[in-house]
Structure formats: structure tokens, C-alpha cells
Amino acid sequence: MSSRVTELRRASIAFALLACAFAIRPDIDLAVAAQFHQNGWAWLLAPDSPLVAWPYQALPHFGRLLVAVFLALWLASFVRRFAWLRAQRLLFIFLLAGAVLGPVLVVDAGLKNHVGRARPAQTEAFGGSLAFTPAFAISDQCRRNCSFVSGHVATTAFIMVFGWLGSPRLRRRWLLASLAAAAYMSLIRMSVGGHFLSDCLFAWFATYFSLWLVEFAFARAAWLDWVRGSFVATAGFAAARVARPGGWRGRASPGGFMVSGRNG
């Protein structure tokens, strides 16, 4: 059994156990939110702290920039001047599909606009006027951009894609980095009453399982081996250029073309 299959099974088991825990004890969310609610949602981090405000404001711009970069690279691969990008064309589609499917379609357009869960600060338990609803329960307390799940955490978790197709060691490092970054963003969002604990936990899983769906689709289309080979070649090329003095100019790209200068 490959390490990737083992990882997927473990993640699925963790998801199922957490889902059962929050279904049996929905008050876990209330207990955690109550801790952050102390001192007017300033128990851990003040709402106006740069540690809260800057990541919260910057992340959506980063997410849009990332999608724009993936799209621009894919479009550039059709331009003769950037012929060296052709070998990575399917890789750019993979990255773009993962970014759009998870944080954009599943999370923002799907769960956040259809589950209807009110945010902690909006609920009666914490001075608001809306009713608390458990995770996964469909509610009418909110119409759009609701609490379940956290878009900020889902977008933060997407950094796992940078090791998704790499070696087991590289993949593990980026998954751990994704968990660490998502944990920090979760603290930011929970500290101001923007999300419950379950919103943040299942946001990470939404991004994770969405990337698996993209991978399954590419495998079914017989594109996955090509994309993985392109990823490994690109990662190795980038690592070599960073490690070697002299920069990028005039160096051969992973596809065998020149990175700079005119191509014949």
C-alpha cells in the first residue's frame, strides 16, 4: 500500500471521527467559542491587532492572485514566446482546477452559501440574535457568506498543493505546513467570533478532499503521470536554480527550452 493511500485513509478516518464528535457533542463549538468570547472577543488576540487584521485582509487578495497566476501561466503556454511553458501546461491546469474547485466552488459558492450557519458573534449565546446550529446542519439563520466552513482557512490550507505531487517527504512537509498555517488562521478567525472550531477544522478537509477529486479526475483522463512528471521536473529545476549562483538567465527549462532569450 502506497504512502498516499495510507494518508488518504487516515485523513478519512480523522474526518469521520471529528464529524461524529461534533454531531454527538455540538456544544464543543460553543465551549471553544466561549473561551474566545472573554473580554469582548479579545481573550487571545485583540480584533485590531496586526496579527489578526493583516492576515485576514491580505489572504483573499493572495488567493485571487494565485488563481490569476495559474491562469496567466496556462494562457502564456500557448504563446510562442513562452514556448518553454508548454511542457507544464497540464500542471497549470491541475493547479488552477484545485484552486477553483476547493476554496472557490466547494467552500465559497457551495457550503458558505447553502448551509446557513450563523457565525459565533451573531448567535444568542454570545450576544447576537440568531440561533446556534451544529456543524453540517442545514439552517436558515444566514443567507450568504455564512459560518460553515471558513473560507480563509480553506484558502490558507491550499498551500498543500505545492507538495501534492511531489515525493512522500516533500508532500508530508507541505501538508504539515498547511496544517500549521491553517491552525494560525483558525485562531485568527475564532478569536474575533468569526468562526466556530468545526468551521475551521472542516475547511481544511474541504480543500484536502477537493485536491483528491482533482487528482482522481486527472488519473481517469490519463493525465496524472504527465502532470506528476512535470511537477517533479519543475520542482527540481527550481531547486537547482536557487541553489546555484548565477540566477536563471539563459538556463534550460524543465521542458528543454530556454528560460530567457529568443526561442527559435
Foldseek 3Di string as FASTA:
>chain_A
DDPVVVVVVVVVVVVVVVVVVCVVPVCVLVVLLVCLPPPNLPNPHDCPDCLQPVLVVCLVVVLVVQLVVLVVLLVCCVPQQVVLSVLQNVLSVLLNQLSCQFLNVCFAVNPQQWQQAAFQCQDPSRPHDFHGDTPPHRDNRHHHRHAAADSSLLSLLLQLVLQCLHDPVSSVVSNVVSVVSLVSNLCSCSSNRNYTPVNSVVSNVSSVVSSVVSLVVCVVVVNNVSNSVSSHLQVVVVVVQVVDPDHQAQDAGSSRFGPDDGTD
